[in-house]
Amino acid sequence: MFQFSIILVEPEHPHNIGFVARSMRSNGLCDLRIVRKSKPLPKKCYDTAHSSAEILDNAKLFTTLKEAIADCSYTVAFSRRLFDSVVPHVSLPKLPSLCEAKDGIVALVFGRESCGLAFEEIELCAVQCEIPVAGQMSINLSHAVSVASYELCRSGLLGEGLAFRNKLPITHRKAATVEQFESLENFIVDNLTDRYRKHAWTKASIRTWLQKLNPSQAELSAVFGMLRDLARKPARGG
């Protein structure tokens, strides 16, 4: 079985380190390793690490990339620059298939904001991965980590994969009842002028319109509240 580690090589902006931690937390990652000469991490890192301070607290600091990947079984260098190197070059969408067959720690290595990874650092890795973009520019460090992590998460390689919060509470999905329809119909009719109230078809038209809309209980309640406000009636209790 494998696990992923994010390695930042000499990151230059503390806020990016915090953003990386937040991205890791969002995608089910927790092993952050940072190659930098000075210790500890700047306090500014925590400014952008929303709900992810624990990842920064447990981040491992190293002085060289070689030390950071010493216990890793597979290493991926992220860079858009092409070097005359024997290190294989792949596009991000193909990375999950390479990683899923690995065991141990799979390191995802990201370079400096200003100049990325050096040739010697890429040579330490098993493969070089490029995040395809429309232009020739590279993307921000924290964005690169987010995109790479999302691709792995989308492929089912991180934790339990993506979690979609598409289920509304039961009260938001439950269909409105006949009793609720009638309550709203009566309220509308009671607040109409005599011009419309006296017509027998008025209430039936309102009911037909509501049934065509097929509102949920929450939607009908919202409409009722707006109509009460327009009619300057106090909101119902409970």
C-alpha atoms as a PDB file:
ATOM      1  CA  MET A   1       0.000   0.000   0.000  1.00  0.00           C
ATOM      2  CA  PHE A   2       1.194   3.529  -0.730  1.00  0.00           C
ATOM      3  CA  GLN A   3       0.745   6.970   0.750  1.00  0.00           C
ATOM      4  CA  PHE A   4       1.509  10.383  -0.670  1.00  0.00           C
ATOM      5  CA  SER A   5       3.855  13.022   0.674  1.00  0.00           C
ATOM      6  CA  ILE A   6       3.994  16.630  -0.526  1.00  0.00           C
ATOM      7  CA  ILE A   7       7.533  18.045  -0.653  1.00  0.00           C
ATOM      8  CA  LEU A   8       8.161  21.762  -1.135  1.00  0.00           C
ATOM      9  CA  VAL A   9      11.698  22.682  -2.119  1.00  0.00           C
ATOM     10  CA  GLU A  10      12.710  26.079  -0.741  1.00  0.00           C
ATOM     11  CA  PRO A  11       9.295  27.780  -0.967  1.00  0.00           C
ATOM     12  CA  GLU A  12       9.783  31.546  -1.052  1.00  0.00           C
ATOM     13  CA  HIS A  13       6.421  32.873   0.152  1.00  0.00           C
ATOM     14  CA  PRO A  14       5.050  31.827   3.577  1.00  0.00           C
ATOM     15  CA  HIS A  15       1.458  32.327   2.467  1.00  0.00           C
ATOM     16  CA  ASN A  16       1.931  29.702  -0.238  1.00  0.00           C
ATOM     17  CA  ILE A  17       2.999  27.189   2.399  1.00  0.00           C
ATOM     18  CA  GLY A  18      -0.251  27.832   4.258  1.00  0.00           C
ATOM     19  CA  PHE A  19      -2.288  27.514   1.080  1.00  0.00           C
ATOM     20  CA  VAL A  20      -0.564  24.205   0.337  1.00  0.00           C
ATOM     21  CA  ALA A  21      -1.506  22.912   3.793  1.00  0.00           C
ATOM     22  CA  ARG A  22      -5.116  23.912   3.193  1.00  0.00           C
ATOM     23  CA  SER A  23      -5.138  22.169  -0.170  1.00  0.00           C
ATOM     24  CA  MET A  24      -3.675  19.045   1.392  1.00  0.00           C
ATOM     25  CA  ARG A  25      -6.360  19.018   4.056  1.00  0.00           C
ATOM     26  CA  SER A  26      -9.058  19.389   1.389  1.00  0.00           C
ATOM     27  CA  ASN A  27      -7.725  16.376  -0.515  1.00  0.00           C
ATOM     28  CA  GLY A  28      -7.022  14.041   2.379  1.00  0.00           C
ATOM     29  CA  LEU A  29      -3.231  14.526   2.572  1.00  0.00           C
ATOM     30  CA  CYS A  30      -1.283  15.096   5.773  1.00  0.00           C
ATOM     31  CA  ASP A  31       2.435  14.429   5.155  1.00  0.00           C
ATOM     32  CA  LEU A  32       4.089  17.759   4.359  1.00  0.00           C
ATOM     33  CA  ARG A  33       7.856  17.997   3.982  1.00  0.00           C
ATOM     34  CA  ILE A  34       9.703  21.232   3.379  1.00  0.00           C
ATOM     35  CA  VAL A  35      13.276  21.756   2.234  1.00  0.00           C
ATOM     36  CA  ARG A  36      14.523  25.042   3.684  1.00  0.00           C
ATOM     37  CA  LYS A  37      17.599  26.281   5.462  1.00  0.00           C
ATOM     38  CA  SER A  38      15.932  28.190   8.279  1.00  0.00           C
ATOM     39  CA  LYS A  39      13.717  26.802  11.053  1.00  0.00           C
ATOM     40  CA  PRO A  40      10.993  26.967  12.258  1.00  0.00           C
ATOM     41  CA  LEU A  41       8.311  27.871   9.723  1.00  0.00           C
ATOM     42  CA  PRO A  42       7.348  31.565   9.560  1.00  0.00           C
ATOM     43  CA  LYS A  43       4.207  32.445  11.507  1.00  0.00           C
ATOM     44  CA  LYS A  44       2.743  33.952   8.328  1.00  0.00           C
ATOM     45  CA  CYS A  45       2.271  30.405   7.012  1.00  0.00           C
ATOM     46  CA  TYR A  46      -0.603  29.971   9.436  1.00  0.00           C
ATOM     47  CA  ASP A  47      -2.450  33.030   8.097  1.00  0.00           C
ATOM     48  CA  THR A  48      -3.575  31.092   5.019  1.00  0.00           C
ATOM     49  CA  ALA A  49      -3.759  27.580   6.486  1.00  0.00           C
ATOM     50  CA  HIS A  50      -7.469  27.659   7.312  1.00  0.00           C
ATOM     51  CA  SER A  51      -8.367  24.578   9.419  1.00  0.00           C
ATOM     52  CA  SER A  52      -4.989  23.118   8.461  1.00  0.00           C
ATOM     53  CA  ALA A  53      -2.646  24.308  11.218  1.00  0.00           C
ATOM     54  CA  GLU A  54      -2.070  20.713  12.311  1.00  0.00           C
ATOM     55  CA  ILE A  55      -0.444  19.924   8.964  1.00  0.00           C
ATOM     56  CA  LEU A  56       1.999  22.811   9.464  1.00  0.00           C
ATOM     57  CA  ASP A  57       2.630  21.793  13.076  1.00  0.00           C
ATOM     58  CA  ASN A  58       3.627  18.300  11.934  1.00  0.00           C
ATOM     59  CA  ALA A  59       5.537  19.350   8.818  1.00  0.00           C
ATOM     60  CA  LYS A  60       9.019  17.815   8.565  1.00  0.00           C
ATOM     61  CA  LEU A  61      11.874  20.173   7.727  1.00  0.00           C
ATOM     62  CA  PHE A  62      14.977  19.136   5.791  1.00  0.00           C
ATOM     63  CA  THR A  63      18.057  20.905   4.493  1.00  0.00           C
ATOM     64  CA  THR A  64      18.241  19.002   1.169  1.00  0.00           C
ATOM     65  CA  LEU A  65      15.819  17.235  -1.151  1.00  0.00           C
ATOM     66  CA  LYS A  66      17.925  14.097  -0.923  1.00  0.00           C
ATOM     67  CA  GLU A  67      17.233  13.922   2.803  1.00  0.00           C
ATOM     68  CA  ALA A  68      13.533  14.626   2.316  1.00  0.00           C
ATOM     69  CA  ILE A  69      13.014  11.694  -0.071  1.00  0.00           C
ATOM     70  CA  ALA A  70      15.310   9.220   1.709  1.00  0.00           C
ATOM     71  CA  ASP A  71      12.439   7.006   2.932  1.00  0.00           C
ATOM     72  CA  CYS A  72      10.294   7.373  -0.202  1.00  0.00           C
ATOM     73  CA  SER A  73       9.841   4.554  -2.704  1.00  0.00           C
ATOM     74  CA  TYR A  74       8.738   6.674  -5.682  1.00  0.00           C
ATOM     75  CA  THR A  75       9.357  10.337  -6.425  1.00  0.00           C
ATOM     76  CA  VAL A  76       7.574  12.680  -8.849  1.00  0.00           C
ATOM     77  CA  ALA A  77       9.117  16.032  -9.798  1.00  0.00           C
ATOM     78  CA  PHE A  78       6.621  18.669 -10.948  1.00  0.00           C
ATOM     79  CA  SER A  79       8.064  21.034 -13.550  1.00  0.00           C
ATOM     80  CA  ARG A  80       7.128  22.552 -16.894  1.00  0.00           C
ATOM     81  CA  ARG A  81      10.734  22.995 -17.943  1.00  0.00           C
ATOM     82  CA  LEU A  82      12.191  20.296 -20.165  1.00  0.00           C
ATOM     83  CA  PHE A  83      15.768  19.199 -19.553  1.00  0.00           C
ATOM     84  CA  ASP A  84      18.076  16.906 -21.493  1.00  0.00           C
ATOM     85  CA  SER A  85      17.557  14.140 -18.986  1.00  0.00           C
ATOM     86  CA  VAL A  86      16.824  10.410 -18.895  1.00  0.00           C
ATOM     87  CA  VAL A  87      14.053  11.057 -16.340  1.00  0.00           C
ATOM     88  CA  PRO A  88      10.717  10.126 -18.038  1.00  0.00           C
ATOM     89  CA  HIS A  89       8.279  12.956 -18.693  1.00  0.00           C
ATOM     90  CA  VAL A  90       4.518  12.496 -18.222  1.00  0.00           C
ATOM     91  CA  SER A  91       1.412  14.655 -18.205  1.00  0.00           C
ATOM     92  CA  LEU A  92      -0.607  14.918 -14.973  1.00  0.00           C
ATOM     93  CA  PRO A  93      -3.637  12.918 -16.217  1.00  0.00           C
ATOM     94  CA  LYS A  94      -1.343   9.898 -16.674  1.00  0.00           C
ATOM     95  CA  LEU A  95       0.188  10.139 -13.197  1.00  0.00           C
ATOM     96  CA  PRO A  96      -2.490   8.195 -11.241  1.00  0.00           C
ATOM     97  CA  SER A  97      -1.913   5.048 -13.302  1.00  0.00           C
ATOM     98  CA  LEU A  98       1.811   5.233 -12.504  1.00  0.00           C
ATOM     99  CA  CYS A  99       1.251   5.727  -8.775  1.00  0.00           C
ATOM    100  CA  GLU A 100      -1.456   3.158  -8.105  1.00  0.00           C
ATOM    101  CA  ALA A 101       0.941   0.253  -8.625  1.00  0.00           C
ATOM    102  CA  LYS A 102       3.500   1.588  -6.146  1.00  0.00           C
ATOM    103  CA  ASP A 103       4.145   0.663  -2.526  1.00  0.00           C
ATOM    104  CA  GLY A 104       5.475   2.810   0.300  1.00  0.00           C
ATOM    105  CA  ILE A 105       5.671   6.604   0.209  1.00  0.00           C
ATOM    106  CA  VAL A 106       5.092   8.379  -3.101  1.00  0.00           C
ATOM    107  CA  ALA A 107       6.650  11.854  -2.971  1.00  0.00           C
ATOM    108  CA  LEU A 108       5.226  14.720  -5.015  1.00  0.00           C
ATOM    109  CA  VAL A 109       8.023  17.279  -5.291  1.00  0.00           C
ATOM    110  CA  PHE A 110       7.371  20.950  -6.071  1.00  0.00           C
ATOM    111  CA  GLY A 111       9.987  23.659  -6.605  1.00  0.00           C
ATOM    112  CA  ARG A 112      10.477  27.341  -5.868  1.00  0.00           C
ATOM    113  CA  GLU A 113       7.959  29.939  -6.986  1.00  0.00           C
ATOM    114  CA  SER A 114      10.586  31.906  -8.911  1.00  0.00           C
ATOM    115  CA  CYS A 115      12.510  29.170 -10.705  1.00  0.00           C
ATOM    116  CA  GLY A 116      11.032  25.779  -9.890  1.00  0.00           C
ATOM    117  CA  LEU A 117      13.209  22.703  -9.447  1.00  0.00           C
ATOM    118  CA  ALA A 118      16.833  22.617 -10.506  1.00  0.00           C
ATOM    119  CA  PHE A 119      18.089  20.012 -12.980  1.00  0.00           C
ATOM    120  CA  GLU A 120      19.946  18.174 -10.220  1.00  0.00           C
ATOM    121  CA  GLU A 121      16.762  17.969  -8.134  1.00  0.00           C
ATOM    122  CA  ILE A 122      14.721  16.556 -11.013  1.00  0.00           C
ATOM    123  CA  GLU A 123      17.456  13.980 -11.583  1.00  0.00           C
ATOM    124  CA  LEU A 124      16.827  12.680  -8.054  1.00  0.00           C
ATOM    125  CA  CYS A 125      13.254  11.780  -9.008  1.00  0.00           C
ATOM    126  CA  ALA A 126      11.828   8.804 -10.861  1.00  0.00           C
ATOM    127  CA  VAL A 127       9.590  10.809 -13.179  1.00  0.00           C
ATOM    128  CA  GLN A 128       8.930  14.412 -14.171  1.00  0.00           C
ATOM    129  CA  CYS A 129       5.284  15.454 -14.312  1.00  0.00           C
ATOM    130  CA  GLU A 130       3.845  18.432 -16.156  1.00  0.00           C
ATOM    131  CA  ILE A 131       0.497  20.055 -15.412  1.00  0.00           C
ATOM    132  CA  PRO A 132      -0.912  20.919 -18.842  1.00  0.00           C
ATOM    133  CA  VAL A 133      -2.088  24.518 -19.221  1.00  0.00           C
ATOM    134  CA  ALA A 134      -3.294  26.501 -22.214  1.00  0.00           C
ATOM    135  CA  GLY A 135      -0.429  29.013 -22.173  1.00  0.00           C
ATOM    136  CA  GLN A 136       3.296  28.658 -21.687  1.00  0.00           C
ATOM    137  CA  MET A 137       3.306  30.080 -18.172  1.00  0.00           C
ATOM    138  CA  SER A 138       3.627  27.977 -15.045  1.00  0.00           C
ATOM    139  CA  ILE A 139       0.992  28.177 -12.302  1.00  0.00           C
ATOM    140  CA  ASN A 140       1.409  29.291  -8.709  1.00  0.00           C
ATOM    141  CA  LEU A 141       2.983  26.797  -6.284  1.00  0.00           C
ATOM    142  CA  SER A 142      -0.118  26.318  -4.144  1.00  0.00           C
ATOM    143  CA  HIS A 143      -2.275  26.038  -7.267  1.00  0.00           C
ATOM    144  CA  ALA A 144       0.013  23.356  -8.658  1.00  0.00           C
ATOM    145  CA  VAL A 145      -0.288  21.334  -5.452  1.00  0.00           C
ATOM    146  CA  SER A 146      -4.082  21.772  -5.523  1.00  0.00           C
ATOM    147  CA  VAL A 147      -4.425  20.663  -9.133  1.00  0.00           C
ATOM    148  CA  ALA A 148      -2.145  17.655  -8.680  1.00  0.00           C
ATOM    149  CA  SER A 149      -3.848  16.610  -5.447  1.00  0.00           C
ATOM    150  CA  TYR A 150      -7.294  16.974  -6.977  1.00  0.00           C
ATOM    151  CA  GLU A 151      -6.333  14.786  -9.937  1.00  0.00           C
ATOM    152  CA  LEU A 152      -5.159  12.043  -7.588  1.00  0.00           C
ATOM    153  CA  CYS A 153      -8.232  12.468  -5.407  1.00  0.00           C
ATOM    154  CA  ARG A 154     -10.524  12.381  -8.432  1.00  0.00           C
ATOM    155  CA  SER A 155      -8.879   9.137  -9.489  1.00  0.00           C
ATOM    156  CA  GLY A 156      -9.663   7.577  -6.123  1.00  0.00           C
ATOM    157  CA  LEU A 157      -6.075   7.400  -4.869  1.00  0.00           C
ATOM    158  CA  LEU A 158      -6.476   9.738  -1.885  1.00  0.00           C
ATOM    159  CA  GLY A 159      -8.451   8.662   1.158  1.00  0.00           C
ATOM    160  CA  GLU A 160     -12.075   8.008   0.324  1.00  0.00           C
ATOM    161  CA  GLY A 161     -11.954  10.060  -2.856  1.00  0.00           C
ATOM    162  CA  LEU A 162     -14.123  13.044  -3.598  1.00  0.00           C
ATOM    163  CA  ALA A 163     -17.125  13.717  -1.380  1.00  0.00           C
ATOM    164  CA  PHE A 164     -20.078  15.487  -2.965  1.00  0.00           C
ATOM    165  CA  ARG A 165     -22.395  17.403  -0.659  1.00  0.00           C
ATOM    166  CA  ASN A 166     -25.373  17.202  -2.983  1.00  0.00           C
ATOM    167  CA  LYS A 167     -27.930  15.890  -0.490  1.00  0.00           C
ATOM    168  CA  LEU A 168     -30.116  18.584   1.001  1.00  0.00           C
ATOM    169  CA  PRO A 169     -31.809  18.094   4.360  1.00  0.00           C
ATOM    170  CA  ILE A 170     -35.037  16.136   4.086  1.00  0.00           C
ATOM    171  CA  THR A 171     -37.171  19.239   4.645  1.00  0.00           C
ATOM    172  CA  HIS A 172     -35.656  20.844   1.543  1.00  0.00           C
ATOM    173  CA  ARG A 173     -36.459  17.851  -0.676  1.00  0.00           C
ATOM    174  CA  LYS A 174     -39.841  16.832   0.723  1.00  0.00           C
ATOM    175  CA  ALA A 175     -42.751  17.718  -1.588  1.00  0.00           C
ATOM    176  CA  ALA A 176     -45.301  20.244  -0.397  1.00  0.00           C
ATOM    177  CA  THR A 177     -48.584  18.765   0.832  1.00  0.00           C
ATOM    178  CA  VAL A 178     -52.186  19.480  -0.193  1.00  0.00           C
ATOM    179  CA  GLU A 179     -52.754  21.060   3.197  1.00  0.00           C
ATOM    180  CA  GLN A 180     -49.868  23.491   2.600  1.00  0.00           C
ATOM    181  CA  PHE A 181     -51.183  24.286  -0.874  1.00  0.00           C
ATOM    182  CA  GLU A 182     -54.607  25.064   0.558  1.00  0.00           C
ATOM    183  CA  SER A 183     -53.151  27.281   3.270  1.00  0.00           C
ATOM    184  CA  LEU A 184     -51.292  29.356   0.706  1.00  0.00           C
ATOM    185  CA  GLU A 185     -54.279  29.456  -1.663  1.00  0.00           C
ATOM    186  CA  ASN A 186     -56.550  30.759   1.109  1.00  0.00           C
ATOM    187  CA  PHE A 187     -54.011  33.397   2.098  1.00  0.00           C
ATOM    188  CA  ILE A 188     -53.680  34.645  -1.478  1.00  0.00           C
ATOM    189  CA  VAL A 189     -57.433  34.768  -2.012  1.00  0.00           C
ATOM    190  CA  ASP A 190     -58.014  36.518   1.316  1.00  0.00           C
ATOM    191  CA  ASN A 191     -55.606  39.269   0.316  1.00  0.00           C
ATOM    192  CA  LEU A 192     -56.929  39.813  -3.217  1.00  0.00           C
ATOM    193  CA  THR A 193     -59.189  42.716  -4.103  1.00  0.00           C
ATOM    194  CA  ASP A 194     -62.866  42.067  -4.812  1.00  0.00           C
ATOM    195  CA  ARG A 195     -62.100  42.189  -8.521  1.00  0.00           C
ATOM    196  CA  TYR A 196     -60.453  38.767  -8.334  1.00  0.00           C
ATOM    197  CA  ARG A 197     -61.814  37.309  -5.092  1.00  0.00           C
ATOM    198  CA  LYS A 198     -65.351  37.066  -6.458  1.00  0.00           C
ATOM    199  CA  HIS A 199     -64.352  34.845  -9.414  1.00  0.00           C
ATOM    200  CA  ALA A 200     -64.820  31.130  -8.819  1.00  0.00           C
ATOM    201  CA  TRP A 201     -61.878  30.242 -11.041  1.00  0.00           C
ATOM    202  CA  THR A 202     -59.329  32.258  -9.034  1.00  0.00           C
ATOM    203  CA  LYS A 203     -58.573  29.657  -6.367  1.00  0.00           C
ATOM    204  CA  ALA A 204     -58.503  26.810  -8.888  1.00  0.00           C
ATOM    205  CA  SER A 205     -56.042  28.780 -11.050  1.00  0.00           C
ATOM    206  CA  ILE A 206     -53.743  29.347  -8.081  1.00  0.00           C
ATOM    207  CA  ARG A 207     -53.857  25.634  -7.187  1.00  0.00           C
ATOM    208  CA  THR A 208     -53.098  24.604 -10.778  1.00  0.00           C
ATOM    209  CA  TRP A 209     -50.169  27.006 -10.933  1.00  0.00           C
ATOM    210  CA  LEU A 210     -48.699  25.710  -7.673  1.00  0.00           C
ATOM    211  CA  GLN A 211     -49.047  22.076  -8.741  1.00  0.00           C
ATOM    212  CA  LYS A 212     -47.286  22.810 -12.018  1.00  0.00           C
ATOM    213  CA  LEU A 213     -44.380  24.289 -10.072  1.00  0.00           C
ATOM    214  CA  ASN A 214     -44.260  21.174  -7.855  1.00  0.00           C
ATOM    215  CA  PRO A 215     -42.513  23.063  -5.016  1.00  0.00           C
ATOM    216  CA  SER A 216     -40.873  21.451  -2.015  1.00  0.00           C
ATOM    217  CA  GLN A 217     -42.036  22.267   1.491  1.00  0.00           C
ATOM    218  CA  ALA A 218     -39.117  24.651   1.937  1.00  0.00           C
ATOM    219  CA  GLU A 219     -39.822  26.421  -1.362  1.00  0.00           C
ATOM    220  CA  LEU A 220     -43.510  26.812  -0.590  1.00  0.00           C
ATOM    221  CA  SER A 221     -42.677  28.148   2.845  1.00  0.00           C
ATOM    222  CA  ALA A 222     -40.328  30.708   1.295  1.00  0.00           C
ATOM    223  CA  VAL A 223     -43.008  31.896  -1.149  1.00  0.00           C
ATOM    224  CA  PHE A 224     -45.532  32.103   1.695  1.00  0.00           C
ATOM    225  CA  GLY A 225     -43.101  34.227   3.706  1.00  0.00           C
ATOM    226  CA  MET A 226     -42.520  36.654   0.826  1.00  0.00           C
ATOM    227  CA  LEU A 227     -46.249  37.036   0.197  1.00  0.00           C
ATOM    228  CA  ARG A 228     -46.864  37.730   3.872  1.00  0.00           C
ATOM    229  CA  ASP A 229     -44.184  40.378   3.739  1.00  0.00           C
ATOM    230  CA  LEU A 230     -45.774  41.981   0.672  1.00  0.00           C
ATOM    231  CA  ALA A 231     -49.162  41.888   2.392  1.00  0.00           C
ATOM    232  CA  ARG A 232     -47.560  43.366   5.538  1.00  0.00           C
ATOM    233  CA  LYS A 233     -48.773  40.407   7.612  1.00  0.00           C
ATOM    234  CA  PRO A 234     -46.818  39.157  10.642  1.00  0.00           C
ATOM    235  CA  ALA A 235     -44.899  35.922  10.163  1.00  0.00           C
ATOM    236  CA  ARG A 236     -46.527  32.786  11.520  1.00  0.00           C
ATOM    237  CA  GLY A 237     -45.162  31.368  14.736  1.00  0.00           C
ATOM    238  CA  GLY A 238     -43.416  27.982  14.815  1.00  0.00           C
END
